[in-house]
């Protein structure tokens, strides 16, 4: 029994000695920490102050889903296990799963350039494009990096596009200039869209350096996506509706002219009993009936197209509307400073105890 205790003491002795070996140089060089930690505190705090604060605003939507009969129950059961059977039967190309790709595409983002925004302090009132290009602040190292790139990069010539390619707002995704590309990249990092695979709930998260701008853009992005999806799903119905409007108008005009011609002929030949006039009146009446049948048929098709347009128009339920954030979401300055202090202490300890660490490891 005594031999076992003696062996256990001998085994535990090196660990105590190793700990003392590491603590001794740390105590001897404690004045180094008196310099390193305050300097790290000041430098890290000054660096994190250069990073502007930002606010986030989130909006949640529940898209309309159509399930019929037992298939809806089967899809609901499959979604609880993480499977999406709706995509196997849904012929719609714009499924909720590709909404993040739509949000991040330049074709969609350039439609938000002219969104009117204003800051909470009232110092800015203009378009979102102007806000990002003129008022969005960046750390000094990012500005220096852009300046150095502008010095080193060769000067590029501006491409002149044909007049028929220019849009109303002067922005063409086919050929964006450097400033427009920079704004699009900034929007891609500030606008995020996530989809819950089980519930298909859409969550928009908008980041901005002003709380009011983040709330305005969250509501604008939500509205813009709904408009984009609605236009896609109802494009054919709206085209058909426009066609039937024109056809219905022409059919009504033809029926009106035919009825006026028939009435005028009957009134002018009411006292004539000749067979020729009677046959002519029958022909005019038949033509009027044909015009009326065509007008009635087009009217039914027009009403049916209106019903299909209403049926194909998606409905979104807003689960969480946009609200002005009260506190900044980042950066976490205290956490950054504490992390830098821990890192500085660890690095300094390794440098001070490098000889002792070599002996222990070897």
Protein backbone atom coordinates (compact mmCIF):
# COMPACT_ATOMS: atom_id res chain seq x y z
CA UNK A 1 0.00 0.00 0.00
CA UNK A 2 2.83 2.38 0.89
CA UNK A 3 4.62 1.55 -2.35
CA UNK A 4 1.47 2.45 -4.31
CA UNK A 5 1.18 5.86 -2.57
CA UNK A 6 4.87 6.51 -3.12
CA UNK A 7 4.50 5.76 -6.81
CA UNK A 8 1.44 8.04 -7.09
CA UNK A 9 3.31 10.90 -5.42
CA UNK A 10 6.23 10.49 -7.79
CA UNK A 11 3.81 10.59 -10.75
CA UNK A 12 2.08 13.78 -9.53
CA UNK A 13 5.34 15.62 -8.70
CA UNK A 14 6.37 16.52 -12.29
CA UNK A 15 3.03 18.28 -12.93
CA UNK A 16 3.55 20.58 -9.91
CA UNK A 17 7.11 21.28 -10.93
CA UNK A 18 6.09 22.06 -14.52
CA UNK A 19 3.45 24.52 -13.34
CA UNK A 20 5.97 26.26 -11.10
CA UNK A 21 8.46 26.35 -13.92
CA UNK A 22 5.91 28.20 -16.07
CA UNK A 23 4.73 30.58 -13.35
CA UNK A 24 8.21 31.65 -12.28
CA UNK A 25 9.20 33.42 -15.55
CA UNK A 26 5.75 34.97 -15.81
CA UNK A 27 6.16 36.52 -12.37
CA UNK A 28 9.69 37.64 -13.12
CA UNK A 29 8.58 39.37 -16.33
CA UNK A 30 5.33 40.72 -14.96
CA UNK A 31 6.34 44.25 -15.90
CA UNK A 32 6.08 43.25 -19.56
CA UNK A 33 2.35 42.69 -19.07
CA UNK A 34 2.08 46.12 -17.45
CA UNK A 35 3.07 47.56 -20.85
CA UNK A 36 1.55 45.08 -23.27
CA UNK A 37 -1.99 44.93 -21.87
CA UNK A 38 -2.63 48.73 -21.63
CA UNK A 39 -1.17 49.25 -25.10
CA UNK A 40 -3.33 46.43 -26.47
CA UNK A 41 -6.37 47.90 -24.74
CA UNK A 42 -5.86 51.35 -26.25
CA UNK A 43 -4.91 50.17 -29.74
CA UNK A 44 -7.73 47.62 -30.03
CA UNK A 45 -10.28 50.14 -28.79
CA UNK A 46 -9.07 52.77 -31.27
CA UNK A 47 -9.22 50.24 -34.09
CA UNK A 48 -12.73 49.07 -33.28
CA UNK A 49 -13.87 52.69 -33.05
CA UNK A 50 -12.94 53.07 -36.74
CA UNK A 51 -15.51 50.41 -37.64
CA UNK A 52 -18.89 52.20 -37.94
CA UNK A 53 -21.86 50.87 -36.03
CA UNK A 54 -24.65 49.21 -37.97
CA UNK A 55 -28.28 48.34 -37.33
CA UNK A 56 -30.30 45.39 -38.57
CA UNK A 57 -34.01 45.08 -39.29
CA UNK A 58 -35.77 41.79 -40.04
CA UNK A 59 -39.02 41.03 -41.84
CA UNK A 60 -40.70 37.61 -41.95
CA UNK A 61 -43.13 36.47 -44.63
CA UNK A 62 -45.18 33.33 -45.04
CA UNK A 63 -45.82 32.66 -48.75
CA UNK A 64 -49.07 31.18 -49.99
CA UNK A 65 -48.89 27.41 -50.49
CA UNK A 66 -51.45 25.38 -52.35
CA UNK A 67 -52.01 21.79 -51.21
CA UNK A 68 -54.81 19.70 -52.54
CA UNK A 69 -56.40 16.73 -50.78
CA UNK A 70 -54.19 14.03 -49.41
CA UNK A 71 -51.11 15.38 -51.18
CA UNK A 72 -51.14 18.36 -48.84
CA UNK A 73 -51.07 16.03 -45.83
CA UNK A 74 -48.24 14.02 -47.35
CA UNK A 75 -46.23 17.16 -48.07
CA UNK A 76 -46.78 18.43 -44.54
CA UNK A 77 -45.60 15.10 -43.15
CA UNK A 78 -42.54 15.08 -45.40
CA UNK A 79 -41.65 18.67 -44.45
CA UNK A 80 -41.52 17.66 -40.77
CA UNK A 81 -38.64 15.34 -41.69
CA UNK A 82 -36.83 18.01 -43.70
CA UNK A 83 -38.00 16.94 -47.19
CA UNK A 84 -39.68 19.27 -49.65
CA UNK A 85 -42.08 17.31 -51.84
CA UNK A 86 -43.73 20.46 -53.11
CA UNK A 87 -40.86 21.02 -55.53
CA UNK A 88 -41.58 17.65 -57.17
CA UNK A 89 -45.08 18.72 -58.19
CA UNK A 90 -44.74 22.49 -58.40
CA UNK A 91 -44.23 23.76 -61.93
CA UNK A 92 -43.49 27.29 -60.78
CA UNK A 93 -39.87 28.23 -61.42
CA UNK A 94 -39.81 30.85 -58.65
CA UNK A 95 -39.92 28.60 -55.62
CA UNK A 96 -39.18 30.09 -52.18
CA UNK A 97 -35.86 28.20 -52.15
CA UNK A 98 -34.44 30.44 -54.89
CA UNK A 99 -35.55 33.73 -53.31
CA UNK A 100 -32.06 34.32 -51.82
CA UNK A 101 -30.60 34.05 -55.35
CA UNK A 102 -33.16 36.56 -56.60
CA UNK A 103 -32.36 38.98 -53.78
CA UNK A 104 -28.61 38.83 -54.46
CA UNK A 105 -28.89 39.17 -58.25
CA UNK A 106 -27.88 42.54 -59.76
CA UNK A 107 -31.05 42.51 -61.88
CA UNK A 108 -33.12 42.73 -58.71
CA UNK A 109 -30.80 45.02 -56.74
CA UNK A 110 -30.66 47.77 -59.38
CA UNK A 111 -34.43 48.13 -59.02
CA UNK A 112 -33.78 49.33 -55.45
CA UNK A 113 -31.41 52.14 -56.50
CA UNK A 114 -34.21 54.72 -56.62
CA UNK A 115 -35.76 53.74 -53.27
CA UNK A 116 -36.28 56.89 -51.24
CA UNK A 117 -34.62 56.76 -47.81
CA UNK A 118 -33.89 59.22 -45.04
CA UNK A 119 -31.73 59.07 -41.93
CA UNK A 120 -33.01 59.20 -38.37
CA UNK A 121 -31.18 62.46 -37.64
CA UNK A 122 -32.64 64.13 -40.75
CA UNK A 123 -29.27 64.93 -42.31
CA UNK A 124 -29.93 62.93 -45.47
CA UNK A 125 -32.94 62.56 -47.70
CA UNK A 126 -32.51 60.91 -51.08
CA UNK A 127 -32.16 57.64 -52.94
CA UNK A 128 -30.63 54.48 -51.52
CA UNK A 129 -27.99 54.53 -54.25
CA UNK A 130 -26.86 58.02 -53.19
CA UNK A 131 -26.85 56.98 -49.54
CA UNK A 132 -24.57 53.99 -50.17
CA UNK A 133 -22.24 55.86 -52.52
CA UNK A 134 -22.00 59.14 -50.56
CA UNK A 135 -22.99 58.60 -46.92
CA UNK A 136 -21.93 55.03 -46.18
CA UNK A 137 -18.81 55.11 -43.99
CA UNK A 138 -16.00 52.58 -44.10
CA UNK A 139 -12.88 51.92 -41.94
CA UNK A 140 -9.78 53.82 -42.93
CA UNK A 141 -7.98 50.66 -44.07
CA UNK A 142 -10.73 49.95 -46.57
CA UNK A 143 -10.44 53.48 -47.93
CA UNK A 144 -6.67 53.17 -48.20
CA UNK A 145 -7.04 49.85 -49.96
CA UNK A 146 -9.38 51.41 -52.50
CA UNK A 147 -6.97 54.29 -53.07
CA UNK A 148 -4.03 51.94 -53.58
CA UNK A 149 -6.07 49.84 -55.99
CA UNK A 150 -7.00 52.95 -57.97
CA UNK A 151 -3.29 53.83 -58.24
CA UNK A 152 -2.18 50.38 -59.30
CA UNK A 153 -5.11 49.42 -61.52
CA UNK A 154 -4.92 50.64 -65.12
CA UNK A 155 -7.40 53.25 -66.20
CA UNK A 156 -10.39 51.65 -67.89
CA UNK A 157 -12.31 53.24 -70.68
CA UNK A 158 -16.01 53.76 -70.24
CA UNK A 159 -18.12 51.64 -72.58
CA UNK A 160 -20.67 53.60 -74.60
CA UNK A 161 -23.84 51.59 -75.04
CA UNK A 162 -26.38 52.03 -77.82
CA UNK A 163 -29.30 54.28 -77.03
CA UNK A 164 -31.79 51.41 -77.22
CA UNK A 165 -30.06 49.59 -74.31
CA UNK A 166 -30.33 52.42 -71.81
CA UNK A 167 -33.08 52.12 -69.22
CA UNK A 168 -35.24 54.86 -67.79
CA UNK A 169 -33.04 55.40 -64.73
CA UNK A 170 -29.80 55.22 -66.74
CA UNK A 171 -28.70 51.89 -65.21
CA UNK A 172 -28.09 48.85 -67.39
CA UNK A 173 -27.09 45.59 -65.71
CA UNK A 174 -25.38 44.63 -68.98
CA UNK A 175 -22.64 47.20 -68.37
CA UNK A 176 -22.28 48.68 -64.86
CA UNK A 177 -19.61 51.23 -64.05
CA UNK A 178 -17.23 50.88 -61.10
CA UNK A 179 -19.35 52.90 -58.70
CA UNK A 180 -22.49 50.97 -59.58
CA UNK A 181 -20.65 47.66 -59.13
CA UNK A 182 -19.40 48.84 -55.73
CA UNK A 183 -22.93 49.78 -54.67
CA UNK A 184 -24.30 46.42 -55.85
CA UNK A 185 -21.62 44.57 -53.87
CA UNK A 186 -22.45 46.65 -50.80
CA UNK A 187 -26.14 45.83 -51.21
CA UNK A 188 -25.34 42.12 -51.55
CA UNK A 189 -23.58 42.21 -48.18
CA UNK A 190 -26.28 44.34 -46.52
CA UNK A 191 -29.37 42.49 -47.78
CA UNK A 192 -29.74 38.88 -46.67
CA UNK A 193 -32.58 36.44 -47.30
CA UNK A 194 -32.99 33.06 -45.59
CA UNK A 195 -35.63 30.35 -46.06
CA UNK A 196 -36.79 27.87 -43.45
CA UNK A 197 -36.85 24.55 -45.34
CA UNK A 198 -39.54 23.07 -43.10
CA UNK A 199 -41.99 25.98 -42.98
CA UNK A 200 -40.94 28.01 -46.07
CA UNK A 201 -40.94 31.16 -43.93
CA UNK A 202 -38.93 33.91 -45.65
CA UNK A 203 -36.76 36.13 -43.47
CA UNK A 204 -35.22 39.36 -44.78
CA UNK A 205 -32.42 40.94 -42.77
CA UNK A 206 -31.28 44.41 -43.81
CA UNK A 207 -28.10 45.94 -42.42
CA UNK A 208 -27.49 49.69 -42.53
CA UNK A 209 -25.51 52.30 -40.63
CA UNK A 210 -28.72 54.18 -39.80
CA UNK A 211 -31.71 52.60 -38.01
CA UNK A 212 -34.34 54.37 -40.12
CA UNK A 213 -32.63 53.39 -43.38
CA UNK A 214 -32.53 49.73 -42.32
CA UNK A 215 -36.27 49.74 -41.53
CA UNK A 216 -37.20 51.53 -44.77
CA UNK A 217 -35.12 49.17 -46.89
CA UNK A 218 -36.49 46.09 -45.10
CA UNK A 219 -40.01 47.13 -46.02
CA UNK A 220 -38.95 48.11 -49.57
CA UNK A 221 -37.13 44.83 -50.24
CA UNK A 222 -40.13 42.88 -48.99
CA UNK A 223 -42.47 44.84 -51.29
CA UNK A 224 -40.08 44.61 -54.25
CA UNK A 225 -39.79 40.81 -53.97
CA UNK A 226 -43.56 40.40 -53.74
CA UNK A 227 -43.97 42.57 -56.83
CA UNK A 228 -41.25 40.64 -58.68
CA UNK A 229 -42.80 37.24 -57.94
CA UNK A 230 -46.33 38.49 -58.64
CA UNK A 231 -45.28 39.93 -62.01
CA UNK A 232 -43.62 36.65 -62.95
CA UNK A 233 -46.54 34.43 -61.98
CA UNK A 234 -49.20 36.64 -63.55
CA UNK A 235 -47.31 37.75 -66.67
CA UNK A 236 -49.15 35.40 -69.03
CA UNK A 237 -52.51 36.14 -67.42
CA UNK A 238 -51.94 39.87 -67.72
CA UNK A 239 -50.92 39.45 -71.37
CA UNK A 240 -54.03 37.39 -72.08
CA UNK A 241 -56.18 39.90 -70.20
CA UNK A 242 -54.76 42.77 -72.26
CA UNK A 243 -55.44 40.80 -75.46
CA UNK A 244 -59.03 40.00 -74.52
CA UNK A 245 -59.63 43.62 -73.55
CA UNK A 246 -58.75 44.71 -77.08
CA UNK A 247 -60.67 41.86 -78.71
CA UNK A 248 -63.70 42.47 -76.50
CA UNK A 249 -63.68 46.15 -77.36
CA UNK A 250 -63.56 45.39 -81.09
CA UNK A 251 -66.26 42.72 -80.79
CA UNK A 252 -68.54 45.10 -78.94
CA UNK A 253 -67.99 47.79 -81.55
CA UNK A 254 -68.77 45.34 -84.37
CA UNK A 255 -71.91 44.16 -82.59
CA UNK A 256 -72.98 47.75 -81.98
CA UNK A 257 -72.49 48.64 -85.65
CA UNK A 258 -74.35 45.53 -86.80
CA UNK A 259 -77.27 46.24 -84.47
CA UNK A 260 -77.44 49.88 -85.59
CA UNK A 261 -77.42 48.80 -89.23
CA UNK A 262 -80.19 46.24 -88.61
CA UNK A 263 -82.37 48.70 -86.70
CA UNK A 264 -81.89 51.40 -89.34
CA UNK A 265 -82.81 48.97 -92.12
CA UNK A 266 -85.93 47.76 -90.32
CA UNK A 267 -87.09 51.32 -89.59
CA UNK A 268 -86.54 52.45 -93.18
CA UNK A 269 -88.27 49.42 -94.75
CA UNK A 270 -91.05 48.77 -92.27
CA UNK A 271 -93.86 49.42 -94.80
CA UNK A 272 -92.31 47.46 -97.68
CA UNK A 273 -93.52 43.89 -98.13
CA UNK A 274 -91.13 42.75 -100.83
CA UNK A 275 -89.44 39.39 -100.30
CA UNK A 276 -86.04 40.82 -101.17
CA UNK A 277 -86.21 43.30 -98.33
CA UNK A 278 -87.39 40.60 -95.91
CA UNK A 279 -84.42 38.34 -96.79
CA UNK A 280 -82.04 41.27 -96.44
CA UNK A 281 -83.48 41.98 -93.00
CA UNK A 282 -82.99 38.35 -92.01
CA UNK A 283 -79.37 38.47 -93.19
CA UNK A 284 -78.73 41.60 -91.15
CA UNK A 285 -80.36 40.02 -88.11
CA UNK A 286 -78.25 36.86 -88.52
CA UNK A 287 -75.07 38.92 -88.78
CA UNK A 288 -76.08 40.86 -85.69
CA UNK A 289 -76.67 37.60 -83.79
CA UNK A 290 -73.24 36.30 -84.88
CA UNK A 291 -71.58 39.49 -83.67
CA UNK A 292 -73.48 39.19 -80.41
CA UNK A 293 -72.38 35.56 -79.97
CA UNK A 294 -68.75 36.49 -80.64
CA UNK A 295 -69.00 39.37 -78.17
CA UNK A 296 -70.54 37.07 -75.53
CA UNK A 297 -67.83 34.44 -76.08
CA UNK A 298 -65.02 36.97 -75.72
CA UNK A 299 -66.66 38.40 -72.62
CA UNK A 300 -66.71 34.96 -71.00
CA UNK A 301 -63.04 34.42 -71.85
CA UNK A 302 -62.22 37.87 -70.46
CA UNK A 303 -63.98 37.12 -67.17
CA UNK A 304 -62.29 33.69 -66.98
CA UNK A 305 -58.88 35.32 -67.53
CA UNK A 306 -59.64 37.79 -64.75
CA UNK A 307 -60.45 34.88 -62.45
CA UNK A 308 -57.20 33.09 -63.36
CA UNK A 309 -55.25 36.29 -62.77
CA UNK A 310 -56.73 36.60 -59.30
CA UNK A 311 -56.09 32.91 -58.64
CA UNK A 312 -52.44 33.05 -59.70
CA UNK A 313 -51.69 36.23 -57.73
CA UNK A 314 -49.66 35.07 -54.71
CA UNK A 315 -50.64 36.15 -51.23
CA UNK A 316 -47.99 36.74 -48.58
CA UNK A 317 -48.71 36.92 -44.88
CA UNK A 318 -46.45 39.30 -42.97
CA UNK A 319 -45.47 37.51 -39.78
CA UNK A 320 -43.05 40.21 -38.62
CA UNK A 321 -43.21 43.67 -40.13
CA UNK A 322 -40.37 46.17 -40.34
CA UNK A 323 -39.60 48.11 -37.16
CA UNK A 324 -36.93 50.74 -36.48
CA UNK A 325 -34.19 49.10 -34.35
CA UNK A 326 -33.38 50.86 -31.11
CA UNK A 327 -29.89 49.43 -30.48
CA UNK A 328 -26.99 48.82 -32.85
CA UNK A 329 -26.37 45.20 -33.82
CA UNK A 330 -22.63 45.60 -34.10
CA UNK A 331 -19.75 45.72 -33.93
CA UNK A 332 -19.36 44.17 -30.45
CA UNK A 333 -16.64 46.49 -29.25
CA UNK A 334 -16.24 45.18 -25.71
CA UNK A 335 -16.02 41.59 -26.92
CA UNK A 336 -13.41 42.60 -29.49
CA UNK A 337 -11.31 44.40 -26.88
CA UNK A 338 -11.54 41.47 -24.46
CA UNK A 339 -10.58 39.04 -27.22
CA UNK A 340 -7.54 41.18 -28.11
CA UNK A 341 -6.50 41.32 -24.45
CA UNK A 342 -6.73 37.54 -24.10
CA UNK A 343 -4.79 37.08 -27.33
CA UNK A 344 -2.11 39.57 -26.25
CA UNK A 345 -1.77 37.86 -22.88
CA UNK A 346 -1.46 34.44 -24.51
CA UNK A 347 1.15 35.59 -27.05
CA UNK A 348 3.17 37.46 -24.41
CA UNK A 349 3.10 34.44 -22.10
CA UNK A 350 4.35 32.19 -24.89
CA UNK A 351 7.19 34.60 -25.68
CA UNK A 352 8.20 34.97 -22.02
CA UNK A 353 8.08 31.23 -21.37
CA UNK A 354 9.47 30.08 -24.69
CA UNK A 355 12.52 28.41 -23.17
CA UNK A 356 10.50 26.60 -20.50
CA UNK A 357 7.93 25.50 -23.11
CA UNK A 358 10.70 24.03 -25.24
CA UNK A 359 11.96 21.99 -22.29
CA UNK A 360 8.48 20.73 -21.44
CA UNK A 361 7.55 19.85 -25.03
CA UNK A 362 10.88 18.22 -25.76
